[in-house]
């Protein structure tokens, strides 16, 4: 298991999030949208705060550019 994910995976599982959203809401949406374990784990690793947009989430989540979507 990894603490990294991909931008495509994040975009897919967070597509229906209404921002602003806190860390718990992001993890909940990802889980309900059948996110893989690595993506859920990566979201659990972000700082506890409110995020105003997908781009703000992307700024803090560990993204592995070398992984395939």
PDB file of N, CA and C in Angstrom:
ATOM      1  N   UNK A   1       0.839  -1.179   0.000  1.00  0.00           N
ATOM      2  CA  UNK A   1       0.000   0.000   0.000  1.00  0.00           C
ATOM      3  C   UNK A   1       0.887   1.246   0.000  1.00  0.00           C
ATOM      4  N   UNK A   2       0.397   2.269  -0.689  1.00  0.00           N
ATOM      5  CA  UNK A   2       1.163   3.487  -0.857  1.00  0.00           C
ATOM      6  C   UNK A   2       0.374   4.685  -0.339  1.00  0.00           C
ATOM      7  N   UNK A   3       1.077   5.770  -0.052  1.00  0.00           N
ATOM      8  CA  UNK A   3       0.410   7.020   0.331  1.00  0.00           C
ATOM      9  C   UNK A   3       0.297   7.949  -0.866  1.00  0.00           C
ATOM     10  N   UNK A   4       0.434   7.406  -2.071  1.00  0.00           N
ATOM     11  CA  UNK A   4       0.349   8.228  -3.271  1.00  0.00           C
ATOM     12  C   UNK A   4      -0.804   7.781  -4.155  1.00  0.00           C
ATOM     13  N   UNK A   5      -1.216   8.680  -5.024  1.00  0.00           N
ATOM     14  CA  UNK A   5      -2.272   8.389  -5.982  1.00  0.00           C
ATOM     15  C   UNK A   5      -1.948   9.120  -7.275  1.00  0.00           C
ATOM     16  N   UNK A   6      -2.894   9.145  -8.193  1.00  0.00           N
ATOM     17  CA  UNK A   6      -2.699   9.879  -9.442  1.00  0.00           C
ATOM     18  C   UNK A   6      -3.753  10.980  -9.542  1.00  0.00           C
ATOM     19  N   UNK A   7      -3.479  11.970 -10.368  1.00  0.00           N
ATOM     20  CA  UNK A   7      -4.425  13.064 -10.570  1.00  0.00           C
ATOM     21  C   UNK A   7      -5.736  12.521 -11.129  1.00  0.00           C
ATOM     22  N   UNK A   8      -5.659  11.604 -12.077  1.00  0.00           N
ATOM     23  CA  UNK A   8      -6.870  11.046 -12.681  1.00  0.00           C
ATOM     24  C   UNK A   8      -7.723  10.304 -11.658  1.00  0.00           C
ATOM     25  N   UNK A   9      -7.080   9.528 -10.799  1.00  0.00           N
ATOM     26  CA  UNK A   9      -7.838   8.805  -9.768  1.00  0.00           C
ATOM     27  C   UNK A   9      -8.522   9.782  -8.821  1.00  0.00           C
ATOM     28  N   UNK A  10      -7.782  10.802  -8.404  1.00  0.00           N
ATOM     29  CA  UNK A  10      -8.365  11.805  -7.515  1.00  0.00           C
ATOM     30  C   UNK A  10      -9.549  12.507  -8.174  1.00  0.00           C
ATOM     31  N   UNK A  11      -9.355  12.931  -9.398  1.00  0.00           N
ATOM     32  CA  UNK A  11     -10.417  13.643 -10.110  1.00  0.00           C
ATOM     33  C   UNK A  11     -11.668  12.773 -10.209  1.00  0.00           C
ATOM     34  N   UNK A  12     -11.494  11.502 -10.481  1.00  0.00           N
ATOM     35  CA  UNK A  12     -12.629  10.590 -10.618  1.00  0.00           C
ATOM     36  C   UNK A  12     -13.403  10.437  -9.312  1.00  0.00           C
ATOM     37  N   UNK A  13     -12.705  10.243  -8.210  1.00  0.00           N
ATOM     38  CA  UNK A  13     -13.403   9.962  -6.949  1.00  0.00           C
ATOM     39  C   UNK A  13     -13.872  11.212  -6.224  1.00  0.00           C
ATOM     40  N   UNK A  14     -13.348  12.376  -6.603  1.00  0.00           N
ATOM     41  CA  UNK A  14     -13.761  13.623  -5.956  1.00  0.00           C
ATOM     42  C   UNK A  14     -14.636  14.479  -6.862  1.00  0.00           C
ATOM     43  N   UNK A  15     -15.090  13.921  -7.959  1.00  0.00           N
ATOM     44  CA  UNK A  15     -15.843  14.684  -8.946  1.00  0.00           C
ATOM     45  C   UNK A  15     -17.110  15.324  -8.403  1.00  0.00           C
ATOM     46  N   UNK A  16     -17.757  14.701  -7.429  1.00  0.00           N
ATOM     47  CA  UNK A  16     -19.025  15.225  -6.921  1.00  0.00           C
ATOM     48  C   UNK A  16     -18.901  15.976  -5.591  1.00  0.00           C
ATOM     49  N   UNK A  17     -17.679  16.315  -5.194  1.00  0.00           N
ATOM     50  CA  UNK A  17     -17.471  17.044  -3.947  1.00  0.00           C
ATOM     51  C   UNK A  17     -17.932  18.490  -4.117  1.00  0.00           C
ATOM     52  N   UNK A  18     -18.676  18.974  -3.130  1.00  0.00           N
ATOM     53  CA  UNK A  18     -19.058  20.388  -3.094  1.00  0.00           C
ATOM     54  C   UNK A  18     -18.054  21.105  -2.203  1.00  0.00           C
ATOM     55  N   UNK A  19     -17.285  21.999  -2.798  1.00  0.00           N
ATOM     56  CA  UNK A  19     -16.294  22.763  -2.032  1.00  0.00           C
ATOM     57  C   UNK A  19     -16.938  24.025  -1.508  1.00  0.00           C
ATOM     58  N   UNK A  20     -16.499  24.506  -0.342  1.00  0.00           N
ATOM     59  CA  UNK A  20     -15.402  23.987   0.473  1.00  0.00           C
ATOM     60  C   UNK A  20     -15.765  22.647   1.135  1.00  0.00           C
ATOM     61  N   UNK A  21     -14.713  21.846   1.345  1.00  0.00           N
ATOM     62  CA  UNK A  21     -14.874  20.529   1.963  1.00  0.00           C
ATOM     63  C   UNK A  21     -13.684  20.263   2.878  1.00  0.00           C
ATOM     64  N   UNK A  22     -13.959  19.616   3.994  1.00  0.00           N
ATOM     65  CA  UNK A  22     -12.856  19.289   4.894  1.00  0.00           C
ATOM     66  C   UNK A  22     -12.298  17.905   4.564  1.00  0.00           C
ATOM     67  N   UNK A  23     -11.223  17.581   5.232  1.00  0.00           N
ATOM     68  CA  UNK A  23     -10.534  16.316   4.980  1.00  0.00           C
ATOM     69  C   UNK A  23     -11.481  15.123   5.115  1.00  0.00           C
ATOM     70  N   UNK A  24     -12.297  15.114   6.147  1.00  0.00           N
ATOM     71  CA  UNK A  24     -13.224  14.011   6.361  1.00  0.00           C
ATOM     72  C   UNK A  24     -14.208  13.846   5.211  1.00  0.00           C
ATOM     73  N   UNK A  25     -14.693  14.958   4.682  1.00  0.00           N
ATOM     74  CA  UNK A  25     -15.613  14.901   3.551  1.00  0.00           C
ATOM     75  C   UNK A  25     -14.925  14.355   2.307  1.00  0.00           C
ATOM     76  N   UNK A  26     -13.678  14.738   2.103  1.00  0.00           N
ATOM     77  CA  UNK A  26     -12.925  14.245   0.942  1.00  0.00           C
ATOM     78  C   UNK A  26     -12.739  12.732   1.026  1.00  0.00           C
ATOM     79  N   UNK A  27     -12.338  12.253   2.199  1.00  0.00           N
ATOM     80  CA  UNK A  27     -12.133  10.814   2.394  1.00  0.00           C
ATOM     81  C   UNK A  27     -13.456  10.074   2.215  1.00  0.00           C
ATOM     82  N   UNK A  28     -14.532  10.637   2.763  1.00  0.00           N
ATOM     83  CA  UNK A  28     -15.847  10.018   2.662  1.00  0.00           C
ATOM     84  C   UNK A  28     -16.299   9.915   1.198  1.00  0.00           C
ATOM     85  N   UNK A  29     -16.151  10.996   0.451  1.00  0.00           N
ATOM     86  CA  UNK A  29     -16.530  10.971  -0.966  1.00  0.00           C
ATOM     87  C   UNK A  29     -15.699   9.944  -1.736  1.00  0.00           C
ATOM     88  N   UNK A  30     -14.407   9.924  -1.485  1.00  0.00           N
ATOM     89  CA  UNK A  30     -13.541   8.976  -2.175  1.00  0.00           C
ATOM     90  C   UNK A  30     -13.968   7.537  -1.880  1.00  0.00           C
ATOM     91  N   UNK A  31     -14.242   7.256  -0.619  1.00  0.00           N
ATOM     92  CA  UNK A  31     -14.659   5.901  -0.241  1.00  0.00           C
ATOM     93  C   UNK A  31     -15.983   5.523  -0.893  1.00  0.00           C
ATOM     94  N   UNK A  32     -16.944   6.443  -0.871  1.00  0.00           N
ATOM     95  CA  UNK A  32     -18.250   6.155  -1.469  1.00  0.00           C
ATOM     96  C   UNK A  32     -18.182   6.026  -2.989  1.00  0.00           C
ATOM     97  N   UNK A  33     -17.159   6.614  -3.581  1.00  0.00           N
ATOM     98  CA  UNK A  33     -16.985   6.515  -5.033  1.00  0.00           C
ATOM     99  C   UNK A  33     -16.018   5.401  -5.422  1.00  0.00           C
ATOM    100  N   UNK A  34     -15.852   4.436  -4.520  1.00  0.00           N
ATOM    101  CA  UNK A  34     -15.041   3.243  -4.779  1.00  0.00           C
ATOM    102  C   UNK A  34     -13.580   3.539  -5.113  1.00  0.00           C
ATOM    103  N   UNK A  35     -13.003   4.473  -4.394  1.00  0.00           N
ATOM    104  CA  UNK A  35     -11.581   4.783  -4.587  1.00  0.00           C
ATOM    105  C   UNK A  35     -10.730   3.590  -4.182  1.00  0.00           C
ATOM    106  N   UNK A  36      -9.610   3.436  -4.861  1.00  0.00           N
ATOM    107  CA  UNK A  36      -8.673   2.379  -4.484  1.00  0.00           C
ATOM    108  C   UNK A  36      -8.029   2.723  -3.141  1.00  0.00           C
ATOM    109  N   UNK A  37      -7.455   1.730  -2.509  1.00  0.00           N
ATOM    110  CA  UNK A  37      -6.856   1.910  -1.181  1.00  0.00           C
ATOM    111  C   UNK A  37      -5.786   2.988  -1.145  1.00  0.00           C
ATOM    112  N   UNK A  38      -4.955   3.047  -2.174  1.00  0.00           N
ATOM    113  CA  UNK A  38      -3.878   4.034  -2.196  1.00  0.00           C
ATOM    114  C   UNK A  38      -4.424   5.459  -2.210  1.00  0.00           C
ATOM    115  N   UNK A  39      -5.501   5.681  -2.959  1.00  0.00           N
ATOM    116  CA  UNK A  39      -6.083   7.020  -3.042  1.00  0.00           C
ATOM    117  C   UNK A  39      -6.698   7.418  -1.703  1.00  0.00           C
ATOM    118  N   UNK A  40      -7.407   6.503  -1.063  1.00  0.00           N
ATOM    119  CA  UNK A  40      -7.984   6.787   0.255  1.00  0.00           C
ATOM    120  C   UNK A  40      -6.865   7.058   1.256  1.00  0.00           C
ATOM    121  N   UNK A  41      -5.832   6.269   1.207  1.00  0.00           N
ATOM    122  CA  UNK A  41      -4.697   6.447   2.120  1.00  0.00           C
ATOM    123  C   UNK A  41      -4.024   7.807   1.882  1.00  0.00           C
ATOM    124  N   UNK A  42      -3.868   8.190   0.631  1.00  0.00           N
ATOM    125  CA  UNK A  42      -3.268   9.485   0.298  1.00  0.00           C
ATOM    126  C   UNK A  42      -4.112  10.631   0.856  1.00  0.00           C
ATOM    127  N   UNK A  43      -5.426  10.498   0.777  1.00  0.00           N
ATOM    128  CA  UNK A  43      -6.307  11.545   1.312  1.00  0.00           C
ATOM    129  C   UNK A  43      -6.263  11.584   2.837  1.00  0.00           C
ATOM    130  N   UNK A  44      -6.110  10.432   3.466  1.00  0.00           N
ATOM    131  CA  UNK A  44      -5.964  10.404   4.928  1.00  0.00           C
ATOM    132  C   UNK A  44      -4.690  11.124   5.366  1.00  0.00           C
ATOM    133  N   UNK A  45      -3.722  11.235   4.468  1.00  0.00           N
ATOM    134  CA  UNK A  45      -2.430  11.830   4.804  1.00  0.00           C
ATOM    135  C   UNK A  45      -2.387  13.349   4.635  1.00  0.00           C
ATOM    136  N   UNK A  46      -3.434  13.946   4.087  1.00  0.00           N
ATOM    137  CA  UNK A  46      -3.413  15.401   3.888  1.00  0.00           C
ATOM    138  C   UNK A  46      -3.683  16.111   5.206  1.00  0.00           C
ATOM    139  N   UNK A  47      -3.259  17.370   5.320  1.00  0.00           N
ATOM    140  CA  UNK A  47      -3.508  18.127   6.562  1.00  0.00           C
ATOM    141  C   UNK A  47      -5.005  18.293   6.850  1.00  0.00           C
ATOM    142  N   UNK A  48      -5.323  18.330   8.123  1.00  0.00           N
ATOM    143  CA  UNK A  48      -6.706  18.511   8.585  1.00  0.00           C
ATOM    144  C   UNK A  48      -7.064  19.986   8.431  1.00  0.00           C
ATOM    145  N   UNK A  49      -7.840  20.301   7.388  1.00  0.00           N
ATOM    146  CA  UNK A  49      -8.293  21.674   7.160  1.00  0.00           C
ATOM    147  C   UNK A  49      -9.407  21.663   6.131  1.00  0.00           C
ATOM    148  N   UNK A  50      -9.922  22.827   5.809  1.00  0.00           N
ATOM    149  CA  UNK A  50     -10.958  22.945   4.795  1.00  0.00           C
ATOM    150  C   UNK A  50     -10.309  23.319   3.469  1.00  0.00           C
ATOM    151  N   UNK A  51     -10.717  22.626   2.421  1.00  0.00           N
ATOM    152  CA  UNK A  51     -10.178  22.842   1.079  1.00  0.00           C
ATOM    153  C   UNK A  51     -11.235  23.533   0.226  1.00  0.00           C
ATOM    154  N   UNK A  52     -10.824  24.598  -0.470  1.00  0.00           N
ATOM    155  CA  UNK A  52     -11.749  25.403  -1.245  1.00  0.00           C
ATOM    156  C   UNK A  52     -11.961  24.932  -2.666  1.00  0.00           C
ATOM    157  N   UNK A  53     -11.102  24.023  -3.135  1.00  0.00           N
ATOM    158  CA  UNK A  53     -11.214  23.558  -4.517  1.00  0.00           C
ATOM    159  C   UNK A  53     -10.409  22.274  -4.706  1.00  0.00           C
ATOM    160  N   UNK A  54     -10.651  21.618  -5.833  1.00  0.00           N
ATOM    161  CA  UNK A  54      -9.877  20.427  -6.176  1.00  0.00           C
ATOM    162  C   UNK A  54      -8.393  20.777  -6.265  1.00  0.00           C
ATOM    163  N   UNK A  55      -8.089  21.940  -6.821  1.00  0.00           N
ATOM    164  CA  UNK A  55      -6.684  22.344  -6.957  1.00  0.00           C
ATOM    165  C   UNK A  55      -5.990  22.478  -5.606  1.00  0.00           C
ATOM    166  N   UNK A  56      -6.714  22.924  -4.588  1.00  0.00           N
ATOM    167  CA  UNK A  56      -6.125  23.006  -3.245  1.00  0.00           C
ATOM    168  C   UNK A  56      -5.810  21.613  -2.707  1.00  0.00           C
ATOM    169  N   UNK A  57      -6.674  20.663  -2.987  1.00  0.00           N
ATOM    170  CA  UNK A  57      -6.422  19.274  -2.581  1.00  0.00           C
ATOM    171  C   UNK A  57      -5.190  18.762  -3.319  1.00  0.00           C
ATOM    172  N   UNK A  58      -5.139  19.023  -4.597  1.00  0.00           N
ATOM    173  CA  UNK A  58      -4.033  18.573  -5.427  1.00  0.00           C
ATOM    174  C   UNK A  58      -2.695  19.147  -4.955  1.00  0.00           C
ATOM    175  N   UNK A  59      -2.717  20.347  -4.394  1.00  0.00           N
ATOM    176  CA  UNK A  59      -1.491  20.975  -3.893  1.00  0.00           C
ATOM    177  C   UNK A  59      -0.877  20.227  -2.711  1.00  0.00           C
ATOM    178  N   UNK A  60      -1.706  19.490  -1.946  1.00  0.00           N
ATOM    179  CA  UNK A  60      -1.193  18.864  -0.723  1.00  0.00           C
ATOM    180  C   UNK A  60      -1.168  17.338  -0.749  1.00  0.00           C
ATOM    181  N   UNK A  61      -1.917  16.721  -1.653  1.00  0.00           N
ATOM    182  CA  UNK A  61      -1.941  15.262  -1.690  1.00  0.00           C
ATOM    183  C   UNK A  61      -0.692  14.748  -2.421  1.00  0.00           C
ATOM    184  N   UNK A  62      -0.217  13.588  -2.008  1.00  0.00           N
ATOM    185  CA  UNK A  62       0.968  12.994  -2.628  1.00  0.00           C
ATOM    186  C   UNK A  62       0.576  12.333  -3.948  1.00  0.00           C
ATOM    187  N   UNK A  63       1.002  12.958  -5.047  1.00  0.00           N
ATOM    188  CA  UNK A  63       0.705  12.441  -6.384  1.00  0.00           C
ATOM    189  C   UNK A  63       1.964  11.814  -6.962  1.00  0.00           C
ATOM    190  N   UNK A  64       1.831  10.616  -7.467  1.00  0.00           N
ATOM    191  CA  UNK A  64       2.942   9.901  -8.086  1.00  0.00           C
ATOM    192  C   UNK A  64       2.803  10.036  -9.595  1.00  0.00           C
ATOM    193  N   UNK A  65       3.602  10.882 -10.197  1.00  0.00           N
ATOM    194  CA  UNK A  65       3.529  11.146 -11.632  1.00  0.00           C
ATOM    195  C   UNK A  65       3.907   9.932 -12.473  1.00  0.00           C
ATOM    196  N   UNK A  66       4.628   8.984 -11.891  1.00  0.00           N
ATOM    197  CA  UNK A  66       5.090   7.833 -12.665  1.00  0.00           C
ATOM    198  C   UNK A  66       4.069   6.708 -12.745  1.00  0.00           C
ATOM    199  N   UNK A  67       2.999   6.802 -11.941  1.00  0.00           N
ATOM    200  CA  UNK A  67       1.987   5.736 -11.930  1.00  0.00           C
ATOM    201  C   UNK A  67       0.971   5.948 -13.032  1.00  0.00           C
ATOM    202  N   UNK A  68       0.465   4.858 -13.530  1.00  0.00           N
ATOM    203  CA  UNK A  68      -0.602   4.901 -14.519  1.00  0.00           C
ATOM    204  C   UNK A  68      -1.923   5.171 -13.800  1.00  0.00           C
ATOM    205  N   UNK A  69      -2.860   5.764 -14.501  1.00  0.00           N
ATOM    206  CA  UNK A  69      -4.190   6.009 -13.925  1.00  0.00           C
ATOM    207  C   UNK A  69      -4.889   4.691 -13.791  1.00  0.00           C
TER     208      UNK A  69
END
